[in-house]
């Protein structure tokens, strides 16, 4: 009897198959704040609406200092009518 198969079933450590596009977007819940000098919860605020996507700013939940930005790419390209 093979000892490996006794301790864990075959395929137990095999990587899980992921669906294409399963992890396209992430939102931060905590980021490092230089003013508070620790990782803090953040609030996400819409900053700009750009042709390539919406730009968000992450703010410290305690002191409201900007701790990062993110651009959400739009699925369909925006058309500008002039």
Protein backbone atom coordinates (compact mmCIF):
# COMPACT_ATOMS: atom_id res chain seq x y z
CA UNK A 1 0.00 0.00 0.00
CA UNK A 2 1.34 3.41 -0.95
CA UNK A 3 1.69 5.69 2.10
CA UNK A 4 0.81 8.86 0.07
CA UNK A 5 -2.65 7.54 -0.79
CA UNK A 6 -3.35 6.67 2.85
CA UNK A 7 -2.63 10.17 4.20
CA UNK A 8 -4.51 12.14 1.56
CA UNK A 9 -6.81 11.09 -1.23
CA UNK A 10 -5.52 11.37 -4.80
CA UNK A 11 -6.07 14.87 -6.18
CA UNK A 12 -6.50 16.46 -2.74
CA UNK A 13 -3.70 18.95 -3.42
CA UNK A 14 -4.44 19.42 -7.10
CA UNK A 15 -5.15 23.03 -8.09
CA UNK A 16 -8.81 23.89 -8.40
CA UNK A 17 -10.05 24.72 -11.88
CA UNK A 18 -11.28 28.30 -12.14
CA UNK A 19 -13.76 29.64 -14.60
CA UNK A 20 -12.45 32.21 -17.08
CA UNK A 21 -13.09 35.73 -15.79
CA UNK A 22 -13.85 34.53 -12.28
CA UNK A 23 -11.53 37.09 -10.62
CA UNK A 24 -11.63 40.11 -12.92
CA UNK A 25 -12.19 42.81 -10.29
CA UNK A 26 -11.15 43.15 -6.66
CA UNK A 27 -12.14 45.80 -4.13
CA UNK A 28 -9.84 46.68 -1.25
CA UNK A 29 -11.26 46.37 2.25
CA UNK A 30 -8.11 47.42 4.14
CA UNK A 31 -5.06 49.41 3.06
CA UNK A 32 -2.07 50.92 4.84
CA UNK A 33 -2.61 54.51 5.98
CA UNK A 34 0.60 56.55 6.37
CA UNK A 35 -1.08 58.97 8.77
CA UNK A 36 -2.51 56.25 11.09
CA UNK A 37 0.61 54.08 10.51
CA UNK A 38 -1.34 50.82 10.20
CA UNK A 39 -3.69 48.90 7.93
CA UNK A 40 -7.15 50.43 8.22
CA UNK A 41 -10.61 49.82 6.74
CA UNK A 42 -11.24 51.97 3.68
CA UNK A 43 -14.18 53.70 2.03
CA UNK A 44 -14.47 53.69 -1.76
CA UNK A 45 -15.48 57.03 -3.34
CA UNK A 46 -16.18 57.74 -7.02
CA UNK A 47 -13.62 60.32 -8.10
CA UNK A 48 -13.91 60.65 -11.90
CA UNK A 49 -15.83 59.17 -14.81
CA UNK A 50 -13.27 58.62 -17.57
CA UNK A 51 -13.61 57.17 -21.10
CA UNK A 52 -11.55 54.12 -20.06
CA UNK A 53 -13.55 53.53 -16.86
CA UNK A 54 -14.63 54.93 -13.51
CA UNK A 55 -11.83 56.12 -11.19
CA UNK A 56 -12.36 55.46 -7.49
CA UNK A 57 -10.41 56.75 -4.51
CA UNK A 58 -9.89 54.74 -1.31
CA UNK A 59 -10.09 56.81 1.88
CA UNK A 60 -9.01 55.84 5.40
CA UNK A 61 -12.11 55.18 7.51
CA UNK A 62 -10.54 56.95 10.52
CA UNK A 63 -8.74 60.07 9.22
CA UNK A 64 -10.18 60.30 5.63
CA UNK A 65 -6.69 60.46 4.06
CA UNK A 66 -6.49 59.17 0.48
CA UNK A 67 -4.67 55.81 0.57
CA UNK A 68 -5.11 54.62 -3.03
CA UNK A 69 -7.02 54.73 -6.31
CA UNK A 70 -8.54 52.22 -8.70
CA UNK A 71 -9.93 52.41 -12.25
CA UNK A 72 -12.82 50.06 -13.00
CA UNK A 73 -12.60 49.21 -16.68
CA UNK A 74 -15.97 49.27 -18.42
CA UNK A 75 -17.10 46.13 -20.25
CA UNK A 76 -18.36 47.99 -23.31
CA UNK A 77 -16.43 50.91 -24.77
CA UNK A 78 -18.04 54.30 -24.18
CA UNK A 79 -18.97 56.28 -27.28
CA UNK A 80 -18.81 60.06 -27.08
CA UNK A 81 -21.35 61.95 -29.18
CA UNK A 82 -20.15 65.38 -30.26
